[in-house]
């Protein structure tokens, strides 16, 4: 019964997130409605999974709250990004969210030298793109660079966790982190590279799956907690 609730509950959230994303992309209505609903759904999904973890009386389940807090900051950042005036504030909220994701991944496995190498490589690639591609930053290049460092730190830890311990849970976390990184890369090209529509679609269509996968890690880590603690 418990497994069915976990499976069908997350399936419903996944379907609802897809539907909300399609509404945001295809229906001519206010983004404050459709995008906010889509964002709220991945937070609710994370909260649902956290409740399931607590109901299972998993020791140290409180650590999953860190991931949920990160999802909340991402939701707030997503709402601010609806308007051009809220871009800076939205980016700040997203950056804070990534810090929480990074801390959560570090709770699962300690940061090590291999993670640092991956981080350095991601930062190098990010800086090359940011400083060599002819973007029109209008004074926002330092903010974008700092944000790139933070999200690279988050992704590098997720990648490191998987290669150190290739479990399903760590694979889902790595895929979620990578899709988030890719989504933000597409946002970079859309906002500062000429507002080409394809980049906007690629950003949105990878962002919400990324958030869903990260919300799913809360539940998937349940068995790992039982094994480790």
Foldseek 3Di string as FASTA:
>chain_A
DLVVCLVVVLVVLVVVLVVLLCCCVPPPDQCLPSVLSSLVSLLVLLVVLLVSLVVVVQPPLVLSVLLSQLSVLQSVLSNLVSDPVSPLVSLVSNLVSLVSLLVSLCVLPNDDPQLVVQLVVQLVVQCCCLPVDPWACVPCSVVSSVSSSSLSSSLSSLVVVCVVPVDPLSVLLNLLSVLQNQLVVLVRCCPGVPNDPVSVVSNSVSNSSSSSSSSSSSNVCSVVSVVPD
